[in-house]
Amino acid sequence: MKVTSIITVNYRQSALTVAFLNSIKQYAPMGALEVIVVDNGSTEDNGPLFQSIYPGTVYLRSAENLGFAGGNNLGIRHAKGDYLLFLNNDTEITANFISTMCDELDRHPEIGLLSPLILYYEDKRKIQYAGYTPMNYLTGRNQNIGVMVDDNGQYDQLTTETGYCHGAAMLCRKADLRRVGLMEEHFFLYYEELDWCEKFKRAGLKIGFTGKAKIYHKESMSVGRESPLKTYFMARNRWLFIRRNAGWLQAFVFSSYYLLMAIPFQLMKYVAAGKFDLATATLRGAKWNLTHHIKSNELGYKLSDT
C-alpha cells in the first residue's frame, strides 16, 4: 500500500494547525498516512499539542523561520511517503480528498504536480482557485481561473493541465523530486510554488488541476491589509521569478518595464496615499535584485544532495 505524507508548515498559528489536524483526523484514514508538521520559527514546543490531536504526528521544530519553501523542504527531507501532499495549515480537507488526489495523479502519469479545486472557507460556494493561466514573462503577470465564481459543479469531472499549482494544496510523487529538486529557498515568501512548477516543467512533467477533489481555504475573500513585509517580497520575488525562468531577452524586456514603469507607478500610488513604508519596501525589493546574482532555474538541487 502506498503511503501519503502530508506536510504542513505552522508559523505561530497553533489554533489553525489544530483545526487542520482535526479535519485530517475526520476525513482521512490513518493507516496509509504520515502527517508532518514543521513548526517554523517556533518559540515553544507545540509537539505534544499537535500529537494529542493527531497521534503519530511527526513534529519538526525549527527555531529559525525558514519561510514557506524552507519549511516545506525540511518536511520533504523527513517524509517517508510515496506521495507528498503539501497543505497550508489554514486549510481543511473534505471527504475522500486524499484518495481522489492520489488516484488522479496515478491516472495521469504525465502530471508531476497537482492542485485541487480550492474554495473559500467563509463561503464554501465561492471558488478561489481552479487553475492558472500561463505566465506572461514580459509583464510577470498571469490570471487566476475561476476566482470568486460560484461552484456549481462545473469542475467536478475535470482533470487538466494548467499553468501553475496553488501553494495552499499541491500533490506530487516523491520519486519525481529526485530529478526535479526541492523548492527554491531564495523566495522565502510568495512565488516559490510558481518557480517550483517551472522546475517540474523543465523535468518533462506537466502541472495539473483537478476539480474532482475540493479543499477549503481560510484565506480572506477580501483583499488583505498591505504590509511592508508582503510588499517587499511581492516586489522582490516577481522580478526574481522572471530572472530565474524567462529567456534572456524576455528578462531584459521585463526588467526594463519593471524598473522604468511598474516600480515608479507603484511608488507614486504609495506616496500619494501616504504609505511611505510600502514605498520603501518596494524600493528594497527592487534593490535586492540589483545587488544579488541568482542562477537561472536549474535541475541541480536534488534530494540526493541532502
Protein backbone atom coordinates (compact mmCIF):
# COMPACT_ATOMS: atom_id res chain seq x y z
CA MET A 1 0.00 0.00 0.00
CA LYS A 2 1.36 3.40 -0.98
CA VAL A 3 1.73 5.97 1.77
CA THR A 4 0.90 9.68 1.53
CA SER A 5 2.91 12.15 3.58
CA ILE A 6 1.02 15.35 4.41
CA ILE A 7 3.37 18.27 5.02
CA THR A 8 2.15 21.48 6.61
CA VAL A 9 4.05 24.49 7.97
CA ASN A 10 2.96 26.19 11.18
CA TYR A 11 4.15 29.72 11.91
CA ARG A 12 2.80 30.82 15.28
CA GLN A 13 -0.75 29.74 14.40
CA SER A 14 -1.28 26.73 16.64
CA ALA A 15 -5.08 27.13 16.71
CA LEU A 16 -5.24 26.95 12.90
CA THR A 17 -2.99 23.90 12.88
CA VAL A 18 -5.19 22.18 15.48
CA ALA A 19 -8.27 22.75 13.27
CA PHE A 20 -6.30 21.49 10.26
CA LEU A 21 -5.30 18.30 12.10
CA ASN A 22 -8.87 17.76 13.22
CA SER A 23 -10.03 17.84 9.59
CA ILE A 24 -7.34 15.28 8.68
CA LYS A 25 -8.49 13.05 11.54
CA GLN A 26 -12.11 13.38 10.44
CA TYR A 27 -11.73 12.73 6.73
CA ALA A 28 -8.54 10.72 6.21
CA PRO A 29 -7.68 7.11 7.14
CA MET A 30 -4.69 6.83 9.45
CA GLY A 31 -3.25 3.58 8.04
CA ALA A 32 -1.57 4.85 4.88
CA LEU A 33 -0.93 8.38 6.06
CA GLU A 34 2.02 10.24 7.56
CA VAL A 35 1.36 13.72 8.93
CA ILE A 36 4.33 16.09 9.25
CA VAL A 37 4.06 19.47 10.97
CA VAL A 38 7.00 21.82 10.53
CA ASP A 39 6.90 24.38 13.34
CA ASN A 40 8.63 27.35 11.72
CA GLY A 41 10.29 30.00 13.91
CA SER A 42 8.86 28.30 16.95
CA THR A 43 9.32 29.84 20.40
CA GLU A 44 7.60 26.94 22.16
CA ASP A 45 7.23 23.20 21.79
CA ASN A 46 3.83 22.52 20.21
CA GLY A 47 4.59 18.86 19.61
CA PRO A 48 2.51 17.45 22.48
CA LEU A 49 -0.49 19.60 21.48
CA PHE A 50 -0.42 18.57 17.83
CA GLN A 51 0.22 14.91 18.67
CA SER A 52 -2.72 14.91 21.07
CA ILE A 53 -4.97 15.91 18.16
CA TYR A 54 -3.47 13.54 15.60
CA PRO A 55 -1.46 10.75 17.25
CA GLY A 56 1.74 9.89 15.44
CA THR A 57 2.23 13.36 14.00
CA VAL A 58 5.85 13.88 13.01
CA TYR A 59 6.75 17.17 14.69
CA LEU A 60 9.73 19.13 13.32
CA ARG A 61 10.57 22.22 15.31
CA SER A 62 12.77 24.90 13.78
CA ALA A 63 13.85 27.82 15.94
CA GLU A 64 14.65 29.70 12.72
CA ASN A 65 11.87 30.89 10.43
CA LEU A 66 12.77 29.04 7.22
CA GLY A 67 9.98 30.58 5.14
CA PHE A 68 7.39 28.66 3.14
CA ALA A 69 9.90 26.96 0.85
CA GLY A 70 12.42 26.17 3.58
CA GLY A 71 9.77 24.79 5.90
CA ASN A 72 8.34 22.51 3.23
CA ASN A 73 11.83 21.40 2.20
CA LEU A 74 12.52 20.39 5.80
CA GLY A 75 9.34 18.32 5.73
CA ILE A 76 10.33 16.71 2.42
CA ARG A 77 13.66 15.60 3.86
CA HIS A 78 11.88 13.69 6.62
CA ALA A 79 8.92 12.36 4.59
CA LYS A 80 8.64 8.61 4.04
CA GLY A 81 5.56 8.58 1.81
CA ASP A 82 5.30 7.70 -1.87
CA TYR A 83 3.13 10.80 -2.38
CA LEU A 84 3.82 14.19 -0.83
CA LEU A 85 0.77 16.36 -0.14
CA PHE A 86 1.54 19.97 0.74
CA LEU A 87 -1.31 21.68 2.56
CA ASN A 88 -1.44 25.09 4.22
CA ASN A 89 -2.33 24.89 7.89
CA ASP A 90 -5.25 27.27 7.20
CA THR A 91 -6.99 24.68 5.01
CA GLU A 92 -9.47 21.95 5.85
CA ILE A 93 -9.92 18.88 3.69
CA THR A 94 -13.13 17.16 2.57
CA ALA A 95 -14.26 13.53 2.39
CA ASN A 96 -12.16 11.33 0.06
CA PHE A 97 -9.89 14.27 -0.70
CA ILE A 98 -6.58 12.44 -0.31
CA SER A 99 -7.58 9.24 -2.11
CA THR A 100 -9.08 11.24 -5.00
CA MET A 101 -5.95 13.35 -5.40
CA CYS A 102 -3.70 10.27 -5.42
CA ASP A 103 -5.99 8.43 -7.83
CA GLU A 104 -5.92 11.35 -10.27
CA LEU A 105 -2.15 11.54 -10.11
CA ASP A 106 -1.99 7.80 -10.85
CA ARG A 107 -4.36 8.21 -13.81
CA HIS A 108 -2.17 10.96 -15.26
CA PRO A 109 1.49 9.91 -15.12
CA GLU A 110 2.38 12.92 -17.26
CA ILE A 111 1.35 15.24 -14.39
CA GLY A 112 4.06 15.88 -11.83
CA LEU A 113 2.35 18.41 -9.55
CA LEU A 114 -1.41 18.55 -8.97
CA SER A 115 -3.69 21.02 -7.18
CA PRO A 116 -7.39 20.61 -6.32
CA LEU A 117 -10.32 22.98 -6.59
CA ILE A 118 -9.88 25.48 -3.74
CA LEU A 119 -12.95 27.09 -2.18
CA TYR A 120 -13.12 29.88 0.36
CA TYR A 121 -13.83 28.59 3.86
CA GLU A 122 -16.00 31.58 4.76
CA ASP A 123 -18.25 30.97 1.73
CA LYS A 124 -17.89 27.39 0.57
CA ARG A 125 -19.62 28.10 -2.75
CA LYS A 126 -17.05 30.66 -3.85
CA ILE A 127 -14.05 29.46 -5.84
CA GLN A 128 -10.59 30.75 -5.01
CA TYR A 129 -8.64 28.62 -7.49
CA ALA A 130 -9.49 26.44 -10.48
CA GLY A 131 -6.12 26.69 -12.21
CA TYR A 132 -3.84 29.44 -13.50
CA THR A 133 -3.15 30.78 -16.96
CA PRO A 134 0.45 30.69 -18.25
CA MET A 135 2.83 33.46 -17.17
CA ASN A 136 3.41 36.47 -19.38
CA TYR A 137 7.17 36.80 -18.97
CA LEU A 138 7.17 40.33 -20.35
CA THR A 139 4.95 41.65 -17.54
CA GLY A 140 5.39 38.98 -14.85
CA ARG A 141 1.62 38.51 -14.64
CA ASN A 142 -0.87 35.68 -15.09
CA GLN A 143 -4.53 35.08 -14.20
CA ASN A 144 -6.27 33.01 -11.55
CA ILE A 145 -9.02 30.92 -13.18
CA GLY A 146 -12.44 30.79 -11.54
CA VAL A 147 -11.77 33.18 -8.68
CA MET A 148 -14.95 34.40 -6.92
CA VAL A 149 -17.19 32.36 -9.25
CA ASP A 150 -19.85 30.13 -7.66
CA ASP A 151 -19.02 26.44 -7.55
CA ASN A 152 -21.94 24.82 -9.39
CA GLY A 153 -20.15 21.58 -10.15
CA GLN A 154 -18.66 22.88 -13.39
CA TYR A 155 -15.23 21.47 -12.48
CA ASP A 156 -16.36 18.27 -10.76
CA GLN A 157 -15.27 15.90 -13.54
CA LEU A 158 -12.29 17.86 -14.80
CA THR A 159 -8.61 17.00 -14.56
CA THR A 160 -6.48 19.06 -16.90
CA GLU A 161 -3.13 20.73 -17.45
CA THR A 162 -2.83 24.21 -16.00
CA GLY A 163 -0.28 26.98 -15.82
CA TYR A 164 0.63 26.64 -12.15
CA CYS A 165 -0.42 24.90 -8.97
CA HIS A 166 -1.64 26.76 -5.89
CA GLY A 167 0.71 26.66 -2.90
CA ALA A 168 -2.15 26.04 -0.46
CA ALA A 169 -2.64 22.48 -1.77
CA MET A 170 -0.24 20.51 -4.01
CA LEU A 171 0.44 16.79 -4.51
CA CYS A 172 3.47 15.15 -6.12
CA ARG A 173 5.29 11.83 -6.20
CA LYS A 174 8.37 11.74 -4.02
CA ALA A 175 10.20 9.77 -6.71
CA ASP A 176 9.85 12.70 -9.14
CA LEU A 177 11.73 15.02 -6.81
CA ARG A 178 14.97 13.16 -7.46
CA ARG A 179 15.03 14.82 -10.88
CA VAL A 180 13.01 17.96 -10.09
CA GLY A 181 14.65 19.02 -6.82
CA LEU A 182 13.34 20.94 -3.83
CA MET A 183 11.70 24.35 -3.62
CA GLU A 184 13.94 27.36 -4.15
CA GLU A 185 14.53 28.92 -0.73
CA HIS A 186 15.65 32.33 -2.04
CA PHE A 187 11.98 33.28 -2.38
CA PHE A 188 11.13 32.78 1.33
CA LEU A 189 7.55 34.01 0.77
CA TYR A 190 5.49 34.22 -2.44
CA TYR A 191 6.25 32.90 -5.94
CA GLU A 192 8.12 29.83 -4.67
CA GLU A 193 5.39 27.44 -5.80
CA LEU A 194 5.31 29.05 -9.26
CA ASP A 195 9.06 28.65 -9.53
CA TRP A 196 8.74 25.00 -8.41
CA CYS A 197 6.17 24.40 -11.14
CA GLU A 198 8.72 25.64 -13.67
CA LYS A 199 11.21 23.08 -12.35
CA PHE A 200 8.65 20.31 -12.87
CA LYS A 201 8.09 21.50 -16.44
CA ARG A 202 11.82 21.50 -17.12
CA ALA A 203 11.91 17.89 -15.91
CA GLY A 204 9.35 16.97 -18.58
CA LEU A 205 6.32 16.85 -16.29
CA LYS A 206 3.05 18.75 -16.56
CA ILE A 207 1.26 20.87 -13.97
CA GLY A 208 -2.27 19.71 -13.25
CA PHE A 209 -5.57 20.86 -11.78
CA THR A 210 -8.43 18.60 -10.75
CA GLY A 211 -11.93 19.63 -9.76
CA LYS A 212 -12.66 16.11 -8.51
CA ALA A 213 -11.11 16.97 -5.14
CA LYS A 214 -12.01 20.04 -3.10
CA ILE A 215 -10.45 21.83 -0.17
CA TYR A 216 -11.47 24.85 1.90
CA HIS A 217 -9.03 27.71 2.44
CA LYS A 218 -9.41 30.19 5.28
CA GLU A 219 -7.68 33.00 3.39
CA SER A 220 -9.89 36.07 3.42
CA MET A 221 -12.10 36.69 0.41
CA SER A 222 -11.44 40.40 0.73
CA VAL A 223 -8.08 41.91 -0.15
CA GLY A 224 -5.92 41.62 2.95
CA ARG A 225 -4.16 44.58 4.57
CA GLU A 226 -0.97 45.51 2.83
CA SER A 227 2.13 45.21 4.97
CA PRO A 228 5.75 46.19 4.35
CA LEU A 229 6.77 42.52 4.62
CA LYS A 230 4.29 41.36 1.97
CA THR A 231 5.01 44.35 -0.27
CA TYR A 232 8.75 43.73 -0.09
CA PHE A 233 8.56 40.04 -1.01
CA MET A 234 5.98 40.56 -3.75
CA ALA A 235 8.08 43.30 -5.37
CA ARG A 236 11.29 41.32 -4.95
CA ASN A 237 10.04 37.91 -5.99
CA ARG A 238 8.07 38.94 -9.05
CA TRP A 239 11.37 40.06 -10.58
CA LEU A 240 13.30 37.13 -9.11
CA PHE A 241 10.86 34.67 -10.70
CA ILE A 242 11.38 36.22 -14.14
CA ARG A 243 15.15 36.29 -13.71
CA ARG A 244 15.16 32.57 -12.95
CA ASN A 245 12.66 31.36 -15.51
CA ALA A 246 12.49 33.65 -18.56
CA GLY A 247 14.85 33.74 -21.52
CA TRP A 248 17.47 36.48 -21.52
CA LEU A 249 15.58 38.69 -23.98
CA GLN A 250 12.30 38.33 -22.07
CA ALA A 251 14.11 39.01 -18.80
CA PHE A 252 15.71 42.14 -20.28
CA VAL A 253 12.36 43.47 -21.53
CA PHE A 254 10.68 42.70 -18.20
CA SER A 255 13.49 44.31 -16.20
CA SER A 256 13.24 47.48 -18.28
CA TYR A 257 9.46 47.56 -17.91
CA TYR A 258 9.65 46.83 -14.19
CA LEU A 259 12.27 49.47 -13.38
CA LEU A 260 11.01 52.21 -15.70
CA MET A 261 7.24 51.73 -15.45
CA ALA A 262 5.88 49.27 -12.88
CA ILE A 263 8.02 50.29 -9.91
CA PRO A 264 7.66 54.08 -10.44
CA PHE A 265 3.90 53.72 -10.87
CA GLN A 266 3.63 51.71 -7.65
CA LEU A 267 5.79 54.23 -5.80
CA MET A 268 3.59 57.11 -6.94
CA LYS A 269 0.49 55.30 -5.70
CA TYR A 270 2.01 54.64 -2.29
CA VAL A 271 3.40 58.15 -1.87
CA ALA A 272 0.09 59.73 -2.94
CA ALA A 273 -1.68 57.60 -0.32
CA GLY A 274 0.87 58.46 2.34
CA LYS A 275 2.04 54.84 2.56
CA PHE A 276 5.72 55.65 2.76
CA ASP A 277 6.58 52.37 4.47
CA LEU A 278 5.19 50.45 1.50
CA ALA A 279 7.08 52.67 -0.95
CA THR A 280 10.29 51.94 0.95
CA ALA A 281 9.55 48.20 0.93
CA THR A 282 9.01 48.31 -2.84
CA LEU A 283 12.34 50.03 -3.36
CA ARG A 284 14.08 47.47 -1.14
CA GLY A 285 12.55 44.65 -3.20
CA ALA A 286 13.87 46.15 -6.42
CA LYS A 287 17.28 46.88 -4.90
CA TRP A 288 17.66 43.25 -3.79
CA ASN A 289 17.51 42.09 -7.40
CA LEU A 290 20.02 44.70 -8.48
CA THR A 291 22.53 43.57 -5.85
CA HIS A 292 22.12 39.77 -5.89
CA HIS A 293 23.31 37.41 -8.58
CA ILE A 294 20.94 34.45 -8.98
CA LYS A 295 21.33 31.46 -11.25
CA SER A 296 18.57 30.68 -13.71
CA ASN A 297 16.23 27.83 -12.79
CA GLU A 298 18.19 24.62 -12.94
CA LEU A 299 17.55 21.00 -12.04
CA GLY A 300 20.51 20.90 -9.70
CA TYR A 301 19.01 20.97 -6.21
CA LYS A 302 18.47 17.24 -5.75
CA LEU A 303 17.11 15.20 -2.88
CA SER A 304 20.26 13.10 -3.14
CA ASP A 305 22.30 16.17 -2.18
CA THR A 306 20.59 16.47 1.21
